[in-house]
Amino acid sequence: MRVLRPHHHDDRLDAFDRQLLGVWLNVATGAVDVEDRFWGRTVGDLLAAAETARLDRDATRHELAQYRHALEAVSARR
C-alpha cells in the first residue's frame, strides 16, 4: 500500500507539519483562539493559508518556511 504524502514532504519540512499541528492542538485546547489577531490576520486565517500552501504543489519551500515561522511565533505567544 502506497502512503500519500504532501508534495513537499521531506525531512526538512517535517518541522512545518509539526508546527502546524502544534498550533491546531493549541486551538483545540483553548490555549490559542482562532479569532486572535496576528500580523494583521486572524490565527484561523493563518492556519487556513498554511494548510493551503502545504497542499499546493506550486508552493515554494520559501513560502512554507515563512508560514512555519509565523506558526512558531503564534505558539510562542501562548
Protein backbone atom coordinates (compact mmCIF):
# COMPACT_ATOMS: atom_id res chain seq x y z
CA MET A 1 0.00 0.00 0.00
CA ARG A 2 1.40 3.36 -1.00
CA VAL A 3 1.24 6.18 1.53
CA LEU A 4 0.23 9.52 0.02
CA ARG A 5 2.18 12.49 1.31
CA PRO A 6 2.09 16.18 0.51
CA HIS A 7 4.22 17.11 -2.48
CA HIS A 8 6.75 18.92 -0.30
CA HIS A 9 7.16 16.18 2.30
CA ASP A 10 10.75 15.70 3.30
CA ASP A 11 12.77 15.75 6.49
CA ARG A 12 13.44 19.49 6.31
CA LEU A 13 9.76 20.34 6.11
CA ASP A 14 8.56 17.91 8.73
CA ALA A 15 9.14 20.82 11.12
CA PHE A 16 6.44 22.74 9.23
CA ASP A 17 3.97 19.89 9.71
CA ARG A 18 4.81 19.62 13.43
CA GLN A 19 4.40 23.37 13.91
CA LEU A 20 1.07 23.39 12.07
CA LEU A 21 -0.20 20.50 14.18
CA GLY A 22 1.05 22.22 17.33
CA VAL A 23 -0.96 25.36 16.63
CA TRP A 24 -4.06 23.30 15.81
CA LEU A 25 -3.65 21.47 19.12
CA ASN A 26 -3.30 24.81 20.94
CA VAL A 27 -6.55 25.92 19.31
CA ALA A 28 -8.26 22.66 20.30
CA THR A 29 -7.21 23.04 23.94
CA GLY A 30 -8.19 26.70 24.08
CA ALA A 31 -4.63 27.99 24.54
CA VAL A 32 -5.00 29.91 21.26
CA ASP A 33 -8.21 31.35 19.84
CA VAL A 34 -8.74 31.28 16.07
CA GLU A 35 -10.06 34.85 16.31
CA ASP A 36 -6.83 36.17 17.90
CA ARG A 37 -5.20 38.77 15.67
CA PHE A 38 -1.69 38.07 14.49
CA TRP A 39 0.30 40.09 11.96
CA GLY A 40 -2.85 41.68 10.54
CA ARG A 41 -4.87 38.47 10.22
CA THR A 42 -6.61 36.03 12.50
CA VAL A 43 -4.94 32.83 13.64
CA GLY A 44 -7.72 30.97 11.81
CA ASP A 45 -6.84 32.75 8.57
CA LEU A 46 -3.16 31.96 9.09
CA LEU A 47 -3.94 28.28 9.69
CA ALA A 48 -6.13 28.07 6.59
CA ALA A 49 -3.47 29.74 4.44
CA ALA A 50 -0.74 27.49 5.84
CA GLU A 51 -2.82 24.37 5.15
CA THR A 52 -3.49 25.55 1.60
CA ALA A 53 0.20 26.25 0.98
CA ARG A 54 1.14 22.87 2.46
CA LEU A 55 -1.02 21.07 -0.11
CA ASP A 56 -0.21 23.37 -3.05
CA ARG A 57 2.11 21.63 -5.49
CA ASP A 58 3.37 25.03 -6.69
CA ALA A 59 4.22 26.42 -3.24
CA THR A 60 7.91 27.05 -2.77
CA ARG A 61 9.98 25.94 0.18
CA HIS A 62 10.50 29.62 0.97
CA GLU A 63 6.73 30.19 1.24
CA LEU A 64 6.36 27.17 3.52
CA ALA A 65 9.26 28.37 5.67
CA GLN A 66 7.57 31.77 6.07
CA TYR A 67 4.38 30.08 7.27
CA ARG A 68 6.39 27.87 9.63
CA HIS A 69 7.99 30.95 11.18
CA ALA A 70 4.59 32.62 11.57
CA LEU A 71 3.19 29.49 13.21
CA GLU A 72 6.17 29.38 15.56
CA ALA A 73 5.51 32.97 16.54
CA VAL A 74 1.84 32.17 17.28
CA SER A 75 2.92 29.27 19.50
CA ALA A 76 5.44 31.47 21.30
CA ARG A 77 2.70 33.98 22.24
CA ARG A 78 0.59 31.48 24.18
